[in-house]
C-alpha atoms as a PDB file:
ATOM      1  CA  UNK A   1     -20.718 -66.965-227.866  1.00  0.00           C
ATOM      2  CA  UNK A   2     -22.018 -68.493-224.616  1.00  0.00           C
ATOM      3  CA  UNK A   3     -21.035 -65.355-222.695  1.00  0.00           C
ATOM      4  CA  UNK A   4     -22.864 -63.148-225.105  1.00  0.00           C
ATOM      5  CA  UNK A   5     -26.117 -65.219-224.811  1.00  0.00           C
ATOM      6  CA  UNK A   6     -25.857 -65.346-221.067  1.00  0.00           C
ATOM      7  CA  UNK A   7     -25.101 -61.708-221.046  1.00  0.00           C
ATOM      8  CA  UNK A   8     -28.241 -60.916-222.974  1.00  0.00           C
ATOM      9  CA  UNK A   9     -30.397 -63.105-220.737  1.00  0.00           C
ATOM     10  CA  UNK A  10     -28.958 -61.372-217.724  1.00  0.00           C
ATOM     11  CA  UNK A  11     -29.601 -58.004-219.104  1.00  0.00           C
ATOM     12  CA  UNK A  12     -33.157 -58.834-219.874  1.00  0.00           C
ATOM     13  CA  UNK A  13     -33.509 -60.340-216.391  1.00  0.00           C
ATOM     14  CA  UNK A  14     -32.088 -57.253-214.766  1.00  0.00           C
ATOM     15  CA  UNK A  15     -33.838 -54.723-216.991  1.00  0.00           C
ATOM     16  CA  UNK A  16     -37.328 -56.600-216.691  1.00  0.00           C
ATOM     17  CA  UNK A  17     -36.994 -56.751-212.894  1.00  0.00           C
ATOM     18  CA  UNK A  18     -35.728 -53.255-212.257  1.00  0.00           C
ATOM     19  CA  UNK A  19     -38.049 -51.335-214.712  1.00  0.00           C
ATOM     20  CA  UNK A  20     -40.866 -53.690-214.075  1.00  0.00           C
ATOM     21  CA  UNK A  21     -40.625 -53.047-210.350  1.00  0.00           C
ATOM     22  CA  UNK A  22     -40.344 -49.433-210.842  1.00  0.00           C
ATOM     23  CA  UNK A  23     -43.090 -49.054-213.338  1.00  0.00           C
ATOM     24  CA  UNK A  24     -45.714 -51.476-212.027  1.00  0.00           C
ATOM     25  CA  UNK A  25     -45.008 -51.482-208.222  1.00  0.00           C
ATOM     26  CA  UNK A  26     -42.728 -48.929-206.675  1.00  0.00           C
ATOM     27  CA  UNK A  27     -43.800 -45.852-208.826  1.00  0.00           C
ATOM     28  CA  UNK A  28     -47.059 -47.129-210.288  1.00  0.00           C
ATOM     29  CA  UNK A  29     -49.065 -43.894-209.203  1.00  0.00           C
ATOM     30  CA  UNK A  30     -46.256 -41.905-210.800  1.00  0.00           C
ATOM     31  CA  UNK A  31     -46.671 -43.731-214.289  1.00  0.00           C
ATOM     32  CA  UNK A  32     -50.387 -43.838-213.952  1.00  0.00           C
ATOM     33  CA  UNK A  33     -50.365 -40.034-213.947  1.00  0.00           C
ATOM     34  CA  UNK A  34     -48.788 -39.989-217.384  1.00  0.00           C
ATOM     35  CA  UNK A  35     -51.342 -39.384-219.892  1.00  0.00           C
ATOM     36  CA  UNK A  36     -49.269 -41.004-222.772  1.00  0.00           C
ATOM     37  CA  UNK A  37     -48.631 -44.381-221.701  1.00  0.00           C
ATOM     38  CA  UNK A  38     -50.130 -47.449-223.116  1.00  0.00           C
ATOM     39  CA  UNK A  39     -52.640 -49.333-220.791  1.00  0.00           C
ATOM     40  CA  UNK A  40     -50.948 -52.708-221.783  1.00  0.00           C
ATOM     41  CA  UNK A  41     -47.156 -52.298-223.098  1.00  0.00           C
ATOM     42  CA  UNK A  42     -46.322 -54.170-226.306  1.00  0.00           C
ATOM     43  CA  UNK A  43     -43.944 -56.672-224.712  1.00  0.00           C
ATOM     44  CA  UNK A  44     -42.301 -58.166-227.923  1.00  0.00           C
ATOM     45  CA  UNK A  45     -41.158 -54.647-228.806  1.00  0.00           C
ATOM     46  CA  UNK A  46     -39.521 -54.247-225.274  1.00  0.00           C
ATOM     47  CA  UNK A  47     -37.985 -57.710-225.382  1.00  0.00           C
ATOM     48  CA  UNK A  48     -36.407 -56.918-228.856  1.00  0.00           C
ATOM     49  CA  UNK A  49     -34.795 -53.643-227.455  1.00  0.00           C
ATOM     50  CA  UNK A  50     -33.381 -55.623-224.407  1.00  0.00           C
ATOM     51  CA  UNK A  51     -31.978 -58.256-226.741  1.00  0.00           C
ATOM     52  CA  UNK A  52     -30.285 -55.627-228.928  1.00  0.00           C
ATOM     53  CA  UNK A  53     -28.953 -53.551-226.060  1.00  0.00           C
ATOM     54  CA  UNK A  54     -27.715 -56.562-224.025  1.00  0.00           C
ATOM     55  CA  UNK A  55     -25.944 -57.791-226.977  1.00  0.00           C
ATOM     56  CA  UNK A  56     -24.286 -54.499-227.706  1.00  0.00           C
ATOM     57  CA  UNK A  57     -23.145 -54.147-224.123  1.00  0.00           C
ATOM     58  CA  UNK A  58     -21.656 -57.789-224.144  1.00  0.00           C
ATOM     59  CA  UNK A  59     -19.949 -57.077-227.548  1.00  0.00           C
ATOM     60  CA  UNK A  60     -18.538 -53.761-226.260  1.00  0.00           C
ATOM     61  CA  UNK A  61     -16.980 -55.357-223.144  1.00  0.00           C
ATOM     62  CA  UNK A  62     -15.457 -58.077-225.499  1.00  0.00           C
ATOM     63  CA  UNK A  63     -13.947 -55.355-227.710  1.00  0.00           C
ATOM     64  CA  UNK A  64     -12.882 -53.169-224.715  1.00  0.00           C
ATOM     65  CA  UNK A  65     -11.160 -55.979-222.847  1.00  0.00           C
ATOM     66  CA  UNK A  66     -10.939 -58.912-225.013  1.00  0.00           C
ATOM     67  CA  UNK A  67      -8.799 -61.225-222.964  1.00  0.00           C
ATOM     68  CA  UNK A  68      -9.652 -61.032-219.155  1.00  0.00           C
ATOM     69  CA  UNK A  69     -12.076 -58.449-218.503  1.00  0.00           C
ATOM     70  CA  UNK A  70     -12.257 -57.160-214.987  1.00  0.00           C
ATOM     71  CA  UNK A  71     -15.301 -56.083-213.049  1.00  0.00           C
ATOM     72  CA  UNK A  72     -13.993 -52.485-213.399  1.00  0.00           C
ATOM     73  CA  UNK A  73     -14.062 -52.941-217.173  1.00  0.00           C
ATOM     74  CA  UNK A  74     -17.657 -54.202-217.103  1.00  0.00           C
ATOM     75  CA  UNK A  75     -18.831 -51.286-214.945  1.00  0.00           C
ATOM     76  CA  UNK A  76     -17.113 -48.792-217.286  1.00  0.00           C
ATOM     77  CA  UNK A  77     -18.970 -50.145-220.293  1.00  0.00           C
ATOM     78  CA  UNK A  78     -22.305 -50.658-218.320  1.00  0.00           C
ATOM     79  CA  UNK A  79     -22.218 -47.262-216.819  1.00  0.00           C
ATOM     80  CA  UNK A  80     -21.161 -45.604-220.026  1.00  0.00           C
ATOM     81  CA  UNK A  81     -23.857 -47.212-222.040  1.00  0.00           C
ATOM     82  CA  UNK A  82     -26.409 -46.739-219.214  1.00  0.00           C
ATOM     83  CA  UNK A  83     -25.560 -43.035-219.122  1.00  0.00           C
ATOM     84  CA  UNK A  84     -25.965 -42.585-222.814  1.00  0.00           C
ATOM     85  CA  UNK A  85     -29.344 -44.329-222.799  1.00  0.00           C
ATOM     86  CA  UNK A  86     -30.638 -42.956-219.656  1.00  0.00           C
ATOM     87  CA  UNK A  87     -29.812 -39.387-220.538  1.00  0.00           C
ATOM     88  CA  UNK A  88     -32.456 -39.370-223.293  1.00  0.00           C
ATOM     89  CA  UNK A  89     -35.109 -41.036-220.984  1.00  0.00           C
ATOM     90  CA  UNK A  90     -34.292 -38.680-217.943  1.00  0.00           C
ATOM     91  CA  UNK A  91     -33.869 -35.466-219.689  1.00  0.00           C
ATOM     92  CA  UNK A  92     -35.465 -35.495-223.285  1.00  0.00           C
ATOM     93  CA  UNK A  93     -38.712 -37.281-222.441  1.00  0.00           C
ATOM     94  CA  UNK A  94     -39.904 -34.744-219.970  1.00  0.00           C
ATOM     95  CA  UNK A  95     -38.831 -32.011-222.503  1.00  0.00           C
ATOM     96  CA  UNK A  96     -41.103 -33.585-225.038  1.00  0.00           C
ATOM     97  CA  UNK A  97     -43.993 -34.832-223.125  1.00  0.00           C
ATOM     98  CA  UNK A  98     -46.342 -33.100-220.598  1.00  0.00           C
ATOM     99  CA  UNK A  99     -45.322 -34.999-217.319  1.00  0.00           C
ATOM    100  CA  UNK A 100     -46.938 -33.966-214.067  1.00  0.00           C
ATOM    101  CA  UNK A 101     -43.643 -33.209-212.504  1.00  0.00           C
ATOM    102  CA  UNK A 102     -40.182 -33.047-214.182  1.00  0.00           C
ATOM    103  CA  UNK A 103     -38.288 -33.343-211.010  1.00  0.00           C
ATOM    104  CA  UNK A 104     -40.298 -36.561-210.057  1.00  0.00           C
ATOM    105  CA  UNK A 105     -39.761 -37.863-213.671  1.00  0.00           C
ATOM    106  CA  UNK A 106     -35.979 -37.241-213.261  1.00  0.00           C
ATOM    107  CA  UNK A 107     -35.792 -38.993-209.837  1.00  0.00           C
ATOM    108  CA  UNK A 108     -37.637 -41.964-210.702  1.00  0.00           C
ATOM    109  CA  UNK A 109     -35.932 -42.507-213.940  1.00  0.00           C
ATOM    110  CA  UNK A 110     -32.375 -41.767-212.927  1.00  0.00           C
ATOM    111  CA  UNK A 111     -32.845 -44.151-209.831  1.00  0.00           C
ATOM    112  CA  UNK A 112     -34.125 -46.959-211.936  1.00  0.00           C
ATOM    113  CA  UNK A 113     -31.645 -46.445-214.548  1.00  0.00           C
ATOM    114  CA  UNK A 114     -28.730 -46.208-212.180  1.00  0.00           C
ATOM    115  CA  UNK A 115     -29.865 -49.484-210.544  1.00  0.00           C
ATOM    116  CA  UNK A 116     -30.170 -51.350-213.749  1.00  0.00           C
ATOM    117  CA  UNK A 117     -26.929 -50.508-215.139  1.00  0.00           C
ATOM    118  CA  UNK A 118     -24.930 -51.028-211.818  1.00  0.00           C
ATOM    119  CA  UNK A 119     -26.481 -54.459-211.320  1.00  0.00           C
ATOM    120  CA  UNK A 120     -26.037 -55.418-214.775  1.00  0.00           C
ATOM    121  CA  UNK A 121     -22.397 -54.133-214.823  1.00  0.00           C
ATOM    122  CA  UNK A 122     -21.657 -56.351-211.974  1.00  0.00           C
ATOM    123  CA  UNK A 123     -23.198 -59.606-213.793  1.00  0.00           C
ATOM    124  CA  UNK A 124     -21.725 -58.743-217.045  1.00  0.00           C
ATOM    125  CA  UNK A 125     -18.220 -58.763-215.332  1.00  0.00           C
ATOM    126  CA  UNK A 126     -18.823 -61.990-213.711  1.00  0.00           C
ATOM    127  CA  UNK A 127     -20.169 -63.654-216.913  1.00  0.00           C
ATOM    128  CA  UNK A 128     -17.378 -62.382-219.037  1.00  0.00           C
ATOM    129  CA  UNK A 129     -14.764 -63.600-216.403  1.00  0.00           C
ATOM    130  CA  UNK A 130     -16.425 -66.880-216.197  1.00  0.00           C
ATOM    131  CA  UNK A 131     -16.682 -67.437-219.903  1.00  0.00           C
ATOM    132  CA  UNK A 132     -13.568 -65.465-221.108  1.00  0.00           C
END
């Protein structure tokens, strides 16, 4: 259970760092141009999603490689789930919402998502190897 708790905390830290940096610093103008975003996000909802997603990713790695997961195993899990989750954000959201630039949206979200799930995949592998 320790590996799952630490994995969830790692996922929350990576997600908050990458997405927070993207939304509030690096791409602040991009997100400010969106007419459908809240001025102040509802943080407990975001934390709840991070807990659920981090737990699912950790559990998936435990099922995929139950004995001694490799870094490769963790990257496969993280990138597969990342692609699954990010495909909605990257492609469906600009199809539903009027964004100033579809290509800018795709670029910003793809870079942030790729960064998030690569970094987390590395941490997930290290955590699960340490606490196998």
